[in-house]
Amino acid sequence: MVGPEKLPEFATYWQKESFPFIGLPDPEQRVLKLYGQEVKLLKLGRMPAQVVIDQQGIIRFAHYGDSMKDIPPNQELLALLDGFNQNAKS
């Protein structure tokens, strides 16, 4: 997960929520620009983007939303990751 906050704020939020995956603060929007995530000021900032990148650095899935309601369900993303893991073991 990539967030717009600076490190201290991001670290505090990350610890509070106890997310089971890696987080990366991106206040300068470098990662945002690298993967094409949009910013729309009238919609209060970053548009949702889910990008799954494999260990070789290849984008295996990308979804760019138009609003915060346009995010794939967690079950869909977890099933996708499970499929990638199963294929990697084969």
PDB file of N, CA and C in Angstrom:
ATOM      1  N   MET A   1       0.843  -1.167   0.000  1.00  0.00           N
ATOM      2  CA  MET A   1       0.000   0.000   0.000  1.00  0.00           C
ATOM      3  C   MET A   1       0.888   1.229   0.000  1.00  0.00           C
ATOM      4  N   VAL A   2       0.521   2.191  -0.801  1.00  0.00           N
ATOM      5  CA  VAL A   2       1.262   3.449  -0.906  1.00  0.00           C
ATOM      6  C   VAL A   2       0.335   4.567  -0.438  1.00  0.00           C
ATOM      7  N   GLY A   3       0.837   5.426   0.427  1.00  0.00           N
ATOM      8  CA  GLY A   3       0.026   6.525   0.942  1.00  0.00           C
ATOM      9  C   GLY A   3       0.666   7.873   0.720  1.00  0.00           C
ATOM     10  N   PRO A   4      -0.137   8.938   0.756  1.00  0.00           N
ATOM     11  CA  PRO A   4       0.372  10.279   0.469  1.00  0.00           C
ATOM     12  C   PRO A   4       1.054  10.958   1.650  1.00  0.00           C
ATOM     13  N   GLU A   5       0.986  10.354   2.832  1.00  0.00           N
ATOM     14  CA  GLU A   5       1.523  11.000   4.021  1.00  0.00           C
ATOM     15  C   GLU A   5       3.048  10.923   4.076  1.00  0.00           C
ATOM     16  N   LYS A   6       3.629  11.809   4.897  1.00  0.00           N
ATOM     17  CA  LYS A   6       5.063  11.733   5.184  1.00  0.00           C
ATOM     18  C   LYS A   6       5.296  10.596   6.166  1.00  0.00           C
ATOM     19  N   LEU A   7       6.538  10.163   6.289  1.00  0.00           N
ATOM     20  CA  LEU A   7       6.877   8.981   7.068  1.00  0.00           C
ATOM     21  C   LEU A   7       6.297   8.960   8.488  1.00  0.00           C
ATOM     22  N   PRO A   8       6.451  10.011   9.311  1.00  0.00           N
ATOM     23  CA  PRO A   8       5.935   9.896  10.687  1.00  0.00           C
ATOM     24  C   PRO A   8       4.429   9.627  10.751  1.00  0.00           C
ATOM     25  N   GLU A   9       3.657  10.356   9.953  1.00  0.00           N
ATOM     26  CA  GLU A   9       2.208  10.158   9.946  1.00  0.00           C
ATOM     27  C   GLU A   9       1.847   8.789   9.380  1.00  0.00           C
ATOM     28  N   PHE A  10       2.536   8.398   8.328  1.00  0.00           N
ATOM     29  CA  PHE A  10       2.273   7.105   7.701  1.00  0.00           C
ATOM     30  C   PHE A  10       2.583   5.970   8.676  1.00  0.00           C
ATOM     31  N   ALA A  11       3.721   6.046   9.361  1.00  0.00           N
ATOM     32  CA  ALA A  11       4.128   5.001  10.313  1.00  0.00           C
ATOM     33  C   ALA A  11       3.128   4.892  11.458  1.00  0.00           C
ATOM     34  N   THR A  12       2.661   6.020  11.969  1.00  0.00           N
ATOM     35  CA  THR A  12       1.678   6.006  13.054  1.00  0.00           C
ATOM     36  C   THR A  12       0.390   5.326  12.609  1.00  0.00           C
ATOM     37  N   TYR A  13      -0.097   5.693  11.425  1.00  0.00           N
ATOM     38  CA  TYR A  13      -1.317   5.082  10.878  1.00  0.00           C
ATOM     39  C   TYR A  13      -1.116   3.588  10.655  1.00  0.00           C
ATOM     40  N   TRP A  14       0.027   3.207  10.115  1.00  0.00           N
ATOM     41  CA  TRP A  14       0.321   1.797   9.808  1.00  0.00           C
ATOM     42  C   TRP A  14       0.325   0.955  11.084  1.00  0.00           C
ATOM     43  N   GLN A  15       0.968   1.467  12.128  1.00  0.00           N
ATOM     44  CA  GLN A  15       1.007   0.746  13.400  1.00  0.00           C
ATOM     45  C   GLN A  15      -0.383   0.632  14.018  1.00  0.00           C
ATOM     46  N   LYS A  16      -1.143   1.707  13.947  1.00  0.00           N
ATOM     47  CA  LYS A  16      -2.498   1.711  14.520  1.00  0.00           C
ATOM     48  C   LYS A  16      -3.382   0.667  13.852  1.00  0.00           C
ATOM     49  N   GLU A  17      -3.294   0.558  12.536  1.00  0.00           N
ATOM     50  CA  GLU A  17      -4.165  -0.346  11.777  1.00  0.00           C
ATOM     51  C   GLU A  17      -3.635  -1.779  11.715  1.00  0.00           C
ATOM     52  N   SER A  18      -2.364  -1.993  12.007  1.00  0.00           N
ATOM     53  CA  SER A  18      -1.739  -3.333  11.983  1.00  0.00           C
ATOM     54  C   SER A  18      -1.951  -4.058  10.654  1.00  0.00           C
ATOM     55  N   PHE A  19      -1.692  -3.376   9.555  1.00  0.00           N
ATOM     56  CA  PHE A  19      -1.838  -3.995   8.240  1.00  0.00           C
ATOM     57  C   PHE A  19      -0.833  -5.134   8.079  1.00  0.00           C
ATOM     58  N   PRO A  20      -1.252  -6.255   7.465  1.00  0.00           N
ATOM     59  CA  PRO A  20      -0.353  -7.412   7.325  1.00  0.00           C
ATOM     60  C   PRO A  20       0.462  -7.403   6.033  1.00  0.00           C
ATOM     61  N   PHE A  21       0.724  -6.234   5.501  1.00  0.00           N
ATOM     62  CA  PHE A  21       1.489  -6.136   4.269  1.00  0.00           C
ATOM     63  C   PHE A  21       2.341  -4.882   4.315  1.00  0.00           C
ATOM     64  N   ILE A  22       3.172  -4.720   3.321  1.00  0.00           N
ATOM     65  CA  ILE A  22       4.137  -3.621   3.289  1.00  0.00           C
ATOM     66  C   ILE A  22       3.451  -2.301   2.937  1.00  0.00           C
ATOM     67  N   GLY A  23       3.892  -1.235   3.590  1.00  0.00           N
ATOM     68  CA  GLY A  23       3.398   0.099   3.294  1.00  0.00           C
ATOM     69  C   GLY A  23       4.540   1.021   2.903  1.00  0.00           C
ATOM     70  N   LEU A  24       4.227   1.988   2.061  1.00  0.00           N
ATOM     71  CA  LEU A  24       5.248   2.903   1.565  1.00  0.00           C
ATOM     72  C   LEU A  24       4.699   4.325   1.541  1.00  0.00           C
ATOM     73  N   PRO A  25       5.281   5.237   2.318  1.00  0.00           N
ATOM     74  CA  PRO A  25       4.853   6.633   2.217  1.00  0.00           C
ATOM     75  C   PRO A  25       5.353   7.237   0.906  1.00  0.00           C
ATOM     76  N   ASP A  26       4.512   8.045   0.278  1.00  0.00           N
ATOM     77  CA  ASP A  26       4.861   8.629  -1.021  1.00  0.00           C
ATOM     78  C   ASP A  26       4.423  10.094  -1.088  1.00  0.00           C
ATOM     79  N   PRO A  27       4.924  10.944  -0.168  1.00  0.00           N
ATOM     80  CA  PRO A  27       4.474  12.334  -0.164  1.00  0.00           C
ATOM     81  C   PRO A  27       4.886  13.130  -1.405  1.00  0.00           C
ATOM     82  N   GLU A  28       5.956  12.721  -2.069  1.00  0.00           N
ATOM     83  CA  GLU A  28       6.384  13.426  -3.289  1.00  0.00           C
ATOM     84  C   GLU A  28       5.713  12.870  -4.540  1.00  0.00           C
ATOM     85  N   GLN A  29       4.869  11.870  -4.385  1.00  0.00           N
ATOM     86  CA  GLN A  29       4.088  11.263  -5.470  1.00  0.00           C
ATOM     87  C   GLN A  29       4.951  10.599  -6.539  1.00  0.00           C
ATOM     88  N   ARG A  30       6.108  10.096  -6.164  1.00  0.00           N
ATOM     89  CA  ARG A  30       6.985   9.422  -7.133  1.00  0.00           C
ATOM     90  C   ARG A  30       6.389   8.094  -7.590  1.00  0.00           C
ATOM     91  N   VAL A  31       5.913   7.291  -6.632  1.00  0.00           N
ATOM     92  CA  VAL A  31       5.324   5.998  -6.982  1.00  0.00           C
ATOM     93  C   VAL A  31       4.019   6.216  -7.740  1.00  0.00           C
ATOM     94  N   LEU A  32       3.247   7.190  -7.293  1.00  0.00           N
ATOM     95  CA  LEU A  32       2.001   7.548  -7.964  1.00  0.00           C
ATOM     96  C   LEU A  32       2.253   7.804  -9.451  1.00  0.00           C
ATOM     97  N   LYS A  33       3.234   8.605  -9.758  1.00  0.00           N
ATOM     98  CA  LYS A  33       3.551   8.944 -11.154  1.00  0.00           C
ATOM     99  C   LYS A  33       4.118   7.745 -11.912  1.00  0.00           C
ATOM    100  N   LEU A  34       4.923   6.942 -11.236  1.00  0.00           N
ATOM    101  CA  LEU A  34       5.538   5.781 -11.874  1.00  0.00           C
ATOM    102  C   LEU A  34       4.495   4.801 -12.402  1.00  0.00           C
ATOM    103  N   TYR A  35       3.402   4.619 -11.643  1.00  0.00           N
ATOM    104  CA  TYR A  35       2.384   3.649 -12.037  1.00  0.00           C
ATOM    105  C   TYR A  35       1.108   4.279 -12.581  1.00  0.00           C
ATOM    106  N   GLY A  36       1.111   5.573 -12.811  1.00  0.00           N
ATOM    107  CA  GLY A  36       0.002   6.218 -13.498  1.00  0.00           C
ATOM    108  C   GLY A  36      -1.236   6.471 -12.666  1.00  0.00           C
ATOM    109  N   GLN A  37      -1.100   6.563 -11.345  1.00  0.00           N
ATOM    110  CA  GLN A  37      -2.256   6.856 -10.509  1.00  0.00           C
ATOM    111  C   GLN A  37      -2.638   8.318 -10.702  1.00  0.00           C
ATOM    112  N   GLU A  38      -3.932   8.575 -10.819  1.00  0.00           N
ATOM    113  CA  GLU A  38      -4.406   9.932 -11.062  1.00  0.00           C
ATOM    114  C   GLU A  38      -4.647  10.694  -9.768  1.00  0.00           C
ATOM    115  N   VAL A  39      -4.511  12.003  -9.853  1.00  0.00           N
ATOM    116  CA  VAL A  39      -4.880  12.905  -8.765  1.00  0.00           C
ATOM    117  C   VAL A  39      -5.935  13.845  -9.327  1.00  0.00           C
ATOM    118  N   LYS A  40      -7.066  13.919  -8.621  1.00  0.00           N
ATOM    119  CA  LYS A  40      -8.140  14.834  -9.020  1.00  0.00           C
ATOM    120  C   LYS A  40      -8.478  15.682  -7.804  1.00  0.00           C
ATOM    121  N   LEU A  41      -8.087  16.934  -7.844  1.00  0.00           N
ATOM    122  CA  LEU A  41      -8.275  17.814  -6.696  1.00  0.00           C
ATOM    123  C   LEU A  41      -9.741  17.985  -6.330  1.00  0.00           C
ATOM    124  N   LEU A  42     -10.632  17.996  -7.319  1.00  0.00           N
ATOM    125  CA  LEU A  42     -12.059  18.146  -7.025  1.00  0.00           C
ATOM    126  C   LEU A  42     -12.628  16.914  -6.326  1.00  0.00           C
ATOM    127  N   LYS A  43     -11.917  15.791  -6.405  1.00  0.00           N
ATOM    128  CA  LYS A  43     -12.350  14.576  -5.709  1.00  0.00           C
ATOM    129  C   LYS A  43     -11.446  14.297  -4.509  1.00  0.00           C
ATOM    130  N   LEU A  44     -10.795  15.331  -4.012  1.00  0.00           N
ATOM    131  CA  LEU A  44      -9.986  15.286  -2.784  1.00  0.00           C
ATOM    132  C   LEU A  44      -8.711  14.470  -2.886  1.00  0.00           C
ATOM    133  N   GLY A  45      -8.082  14.441  -4.051  1.00  0.00           N
ATOM    134  CA  GLY A  45      -6.748  13.846  -4.121  1.00  0.00           C
ATOM    135  C   GLY A  45      -6.615  12.633  -5.006  1.00  0.00           C
ATOM    136  N   ARG A  46      -5.852  11.660  -4.510  1.00  0.00           N
ATOM    137  CA  ARG A  46      -5.513  10.465  -5.299  1.00  0.00           C
ATOM    138  C   ARG A  46      -6.747   9.619  -5.579  1.00  0.00           C
ATOM    139  N   MET A  47      -6.852   9.199  -6.807  1.00  0.00           N
ATOM    140  CA  MET A  47      -7.886   8.243  -7.169  1.00  0.00           C
ATOM    141  C   MET A  47      -7.385   6.850  -6.796  1.00  0.00           C
ATOM    142  N   PRO A  48      -8.295   5.935  -6.491  1.00  0.00           N
ATOM    143  CA  PRO A  48      -7.840   4.596  -6.102  1.00  0.00           C
ATOM    144  C   PRO A  48      -7.153   3.878  -7.259  1.00  0.00           C
ATOM    145  N   ALA A  49      -6.116   3.165  -6.916  1.00  0.00           N
ATOM    146  CA  ALA A  49      -5.405   2.341  -7.898  1.00  0.00           C
ATOM    147  C   ALA A  49      -4.885   1.111  -7.177  1.00  0.00           C
ATOM    148  N   GLN A  50      -5.143  -0.052  -7.744  1.00  0.00           N
ATOM    149  CA  GLN A  50      -4.615  -1.298  -7.216  1.00  0.00           C
ATOM    150  C   GLN A  50      -3.722  -1.887  -8.295  1.00  0.00           C
ATOM    151  N   VAL A  51      -2.461  -2.104  -7.953  1.00  0.00           N
ATOM    152  CA  VAL A  51      -1.495  -2.654  -8.901  1.00  0.00           C
ATOM    153  C   VAL A  51      -0.776  -3.793  -8.198  1.00  0.00           C
ATOM    154  N   VAL A  52      -0.795  -4.979  -8.824  1.00  0.00           N
ATOM    155  CA  VAL A  52      -0.080  -6.134  -8.289  1.00  0.00           C
ATOM    156  C   VAL A  52       1.160  -6.331  -9.144  1.00  0.00           C
ATOM    157  N   ILE A  53       2.319  -6.297  -8.480  1.00  0.00           N
ATOM    158  CA  ILE A  53       3.604  -6.416  -9.160  1.00  0.00           C
ATOM    159  C   ILE A  53       4.287  -7.669  -8.646  1.00  0.00           C
ATOM    160  N   ASP A  54       4.743  -8.529  -9.552  1.00  0.00           N
ATOM    161  CA  ASP A  54       5.374  -9.776  -9.108  1.00  0.00           C
ATOM    162  C   ASP A  54       6.835  -9.548  -8.720  1.00  0.00           C
ATOM    163  N   GLN A  55       7.487 -10.610  -8.293  1.00  0.00           N
ATOM    164  CA  GLN A  55       8.864 -10.500  -7.816  1.00  0.00           C
ATOM    165  C   GLN A  55       9.847 -10.100  -8.907  1.00  0.00           C
ATOM    166  N   GLN A  56       9.480 -10.278 -10.160  1.00  0.00           N
ATOM    167  CA  GLN A  56      10.341  -9.861 -11.263  1.00  0.00           C
ATOM    168  C   GLN A  56      10.063  -8.412 -11.684  1.00  0.00           C
ATOM    169  N   GLY A  57       9.114  -7.748 -10.998  1.00  0.00           N
ATOM    170  CA  GLY A  57       8.792  -6.365 -11.323  1.00  0.00           C
ATOM    171  C   GLY A  57       7.783  -6.218 -12.437  1.00  0.00           C
ATOM    172  N   ILE A  58       7.094  -7.295 -12.802  1.00  0.00           N
ATOM    173  CA  ILE A  58       6.096  -7.269 -13.880  1.00  0.00           C
ATOM    174  C   ILE A  58       4.727  -6.981 -13.278  1.00  0.00           C
ATOM    175  N   ILE A  59       4.009  -6.030 -13.853  1.00  0.00           N
ATOM    176  CA  ILE A  59       2.647  -5.724 -13.408  1.00  0.00           C
ATOM    177  C   ILE A  59       1.747  -6.866 -13.869  1.00  0.00           C
ATOM    178  N   ARG A  60       1.120  -7.532 -12.914  1.00  0.00           N
ATOM    179  CA  ARG A  60       0.235  -8.670 -13.202  1.00  0.00           C
ATOM    180  C   ARG A  60      -1.231  -8.292 -13.159  1.00  0.00           C
ATOM    181  N   PHE A  61      -1.543  -7.177 -12.521  1.00  0.00           N
ATOM    182  CA  PHE A  61      -2.928  -6.703 -12.424  1.00  0.00           C
ATOM    183  C   PHE A  61      -2.893  -5.217 -12.156  1.00  0.00           C
ATOM    184  N   ALA A  62      -3.779  -4.475 -12.793  1.00  0.00           N
ATOM    185  CA  ALA A  62      -3.912  -3.044 -12.528  1.00  0.00           C
ATOM    186  C   ALA A  62      -5.374  -2.645 -12.651  1.00  0.00           C
ATOM    187  N   HIS A  63      -5.840  -1.899 -11.678  1.00  0.00           N
ATOM    188  CA  HIS A  63      -7.202  -1.350 -11.695  1.00  0.00           C
ATOM    189  C   HIS A  63      -7.103   0.106 -11.255  1.00  0.00           C
ATOM    190  N   TYR A  64      -7.599   1.018 -12.088  1.00  0.00           N
ATOM    191  CA  TYR A  64      -7.589   2.443 -11.788  1.00  0.00           C
ATOM    192  C   TYR A  64      -9.032   2.893 -11.635  1.00  0.00           C
ATOM    193  N   GLY A  65      -9.393   3.348 -10.431  1.00  0.00           N
ATOM    194  CA  GLY A  65     -10.764   3.739 -10.151  1.00  0.00           C
ATOM    195  C   GLY A  65     -11.032   5.208 -10.415  1.00  0.00           C
ATOM    196  N   ASP A  66     -12.324   5.507 -10.629  1.00  0.00           N
ATOM    197  CA  ASP A  66     -12.759   6.886 -10.856  1.00  0.00           C
ATOM    198  C   ASP A  66     -13.243   7.562  -9.576  1.00  0.00           C
ATOM    199  N   SER A  67     -13.453   6.758  -8.522  1.00  0.00           N
ATOM    200  CA  SER A  67     -13.880   7.294  -7.240  1.00  0.00           C
ATOM    201  C   SER A  67     -13.508   6.280  -6.159  1.00  0.00           C
ATOM    202  N   MET A  68     -13.667   6.666  -4.909  1.00  0.00           N
ATOM    203  CA  MET A  68     -13.343   5.752  -3.817  1.00  0.00           C
ATOM    204  C   MET A  68     -14.320   4.580  -3.753  1.00  0.00           C
ATOM    205  N   LYS A  69     -15.432   4.680  -4.459  1.00  0.00           N
ATOM    206  CA  LYS A  69     -16.382   3.557  -4.539  1.00  0.00           C
ATOM    207  C   LYS A  69     -15.966   2.549  -5.598  1.00  0.00           C
ATOM    208  N   ASP A  70     -15.030   2.926  -6.443  1.00  0.00           N
ATOM    209  CA  ASP A  70     -14.593   2.080  -7.555  1.00  0.00           C
ATOM    210  C   ASP A  70     -13.301   1.342  -7.190  1.00  0.00           C
ATOM    211  N   ILE A  71     -13.435   0.413  -6.244  1.00  0.00           N
ATOM    212  CA  ILE A  71     -12.306  -0.385  -5.775  1.00  0.00           C
ATOM    213  C   ILE A  71     -12.748  -1.844  -5.792  1.00  0.00           C
ATOM    214  N   PRO A  72     -11.963  -2.740  -6.374  1.00  0.00           N
ATOM    215  CA  PRO A  72     -12.348  -4.154  -6.366  1.00  0.00           C
ATOM    216  C   PRO A  72     -12.495  -4.666  -4.929  1.00  0.00           C
ATOM    217  N   PRO A  73     -13.434  -5.577  -4.706  1.00  0.00           N
ATOM    218  CA  PRO A  73     -13.598  -6.140  -3.361  1.00  0.00           C
ATOM    219  C   PRO A  73     -12.342  -6.889  -2.910  1.00  0.00           C
ATOM    220  N   ASN A  74     -12.086  -6.874  -1.610  1.00  0.00           N
ATOM    221  CA  ASN A  74     -10.916  -7.564  -1.063  1.00  0.00           C
ATOM    222  C   ASN A  74     -10.874  -9.022  -1.481  1.00  0.00           C
ATOM    223  N   GLN A  75     -12.030  -9.689  -1.471  1.00  0.00           N
ATOM    224  CA  GLN A  75     -12.071 -11.110  -1.833  1.00  0.00           C
ATOM    225  C   GLN A  75     -11.564 -11.330  -3.256  1.00  0.00           C
ATOM    226  N   GLU A  76     -11.893 -10.423  -4.155  1.00  0.00           N
ATOM    227  CA  GLU A  76     -11.443 -10.534  -5.546  1.00  0.00           C
ATOM    228  C   GLU A  76      -9.923 -10.395  -5.639  1.00  0.00           C
ATOM    229  N   LEU A  77      -9.376  -9.425  -4.932  1.00  0.00           N
ATOM    230  CA  LEU A  77      -7.927  -9.215  -4.955  1.00  0.00           C
ATOM    231  C   LEU A  77      -7.182 -10.355  -4.278  1.00  0.00           C
ATOM    232  N   LEU A  78      -7.720 -10.854  -3.157  1.00  0.00           N
ATOM    233  CA  LEU A  78      -7.074 -11.969  -2.465  1.00  0.00           C
ATOM    234  C   LEU A  78      -7.105 -13.243  -3.308  1.00  0.00           C
ATOM    235  N   ALA A  79      -8.217 -13.481  -4.007  1.00  0.00           N
ATOM    236  CA  ALA A  79      -8.302 -14.640  -4.901  1.00  0.00           C
ATOM    237  C   ALA A  79      -7.291 -14.511  -6.036  1.00  0.00           C
ATOM    238  N   LEU A  80      -7.126 -13.313  -6.546  1.00  0.00           N
ATOM    239  CA  LEU A  80      -6.145 -13.058  -7.602  1.00  0.00           C
ATOM    240  C   LEU A  80      -4.738 -13.362  -7.101  1.00  0.00           C
ATOM    241  N   LEU A  81      -4.413 -12.896  -5.906  1.00  0.00           N
ATOM    242  CA  LEU A  81      -3.092 -13.155  -5.318  1.00  0.00           C
ATOM    243  C   LEU A  81      -2.883 -14.641  -5.061  1.00  0.00           C
ATOM    244  N   ASP A  82      -3.916 -15.315  -4.565  1.00  0.00           N
ATOM    245  CA  ASP A  82      -3.814 -16.766  -4.357  1.00  0.00           C
ATOM    246  C   ASP A  82      -3.511 -17.476  -5.666  1.00  0.00           C
ATOM    247  N   GLY A  83      -4.166 -17.047  -6.748  1.00  0.00           N
ATOM    248  CA  GLY A  83      -3.910 -17.641  -8.063  1.00  0.00           C
ATOM    249  C   GLY A  83      -2.478 -17.419  -8.510  1.00  0.00           C
ATOM    250  N   PHE A  84      -1.969 -16.227  -8.284  1.00  0.00           N
ATOM    251  CA  PHE A  84      -0.575 -15.953  -8.643  1.00  0.00           C
ATOM    252  C   PHE A  84       0.374 -16.833  -7.839  1.00  0.00           C
ATOM    253  N   ASN A  85       0.086 -16.977  -6.545  1.00  0.00           N
ATOM    254  CA  ASN A  85       0.942 -17.812  -5.685  1.00  0.00           C
ATOM    255  C   ASN A  85       0.918 -19.263  -6.115  1.00  0.00           C
ATOM    256  N   GLN A  86      -0.244 -19.776  -6.479  1.00  0.00           N
ATOM    257  CA  GLN A  86      -0.353 -21.166  -6.919  1.00  0.00           C
ATOM    258  C   GLN A  86       0.413 -21.385  -8.215  1.00  0.00           C
ATOM    259  N   ASN A  87       0.301 -20.428  -9.141  1.00  0.00           N
ATOM    260  CA  ASN A  87       1.037 -20.550 -10.416  1.00  0.00           C
ATOM    261  C   ASN A  87       2.541 -20.479 -10.198  1.00  0.00           C
ATOM    262  N   ALA A  88       2.975 -19.673  -9.229  1.00  0.00           N
ATOM    263  CA  ALA A  88       4.408 -19.533  -8.960  1.00  0.00           C
ATOM    264  C   ALA A  88       4.986 -20.823  -8.389  1.00  0.00           C
ATOM    265  N   LYS A  89       4.170 -21.587  -7.667  1.00  0.00           N
ATOM    266  CA  LYS A  89       4.626 -22.845  -7.066  1.00  0.00           C
ATOM    267  C   LYS A  89       4.658 -23.990  -8.073  1.00  0.00           C
ATOM    268  N   SER A  90       3.888 -23.839  -9.154  1.00  0.00           N
ATOM    269  CA  SER A  90       3.811 -24.910 -10.175  1.00  0.00           C
ATOM    270  C   SER A  90       5.039 -24.985 -11.022  1.00  0.00           C
TER     271      SER A  90
END
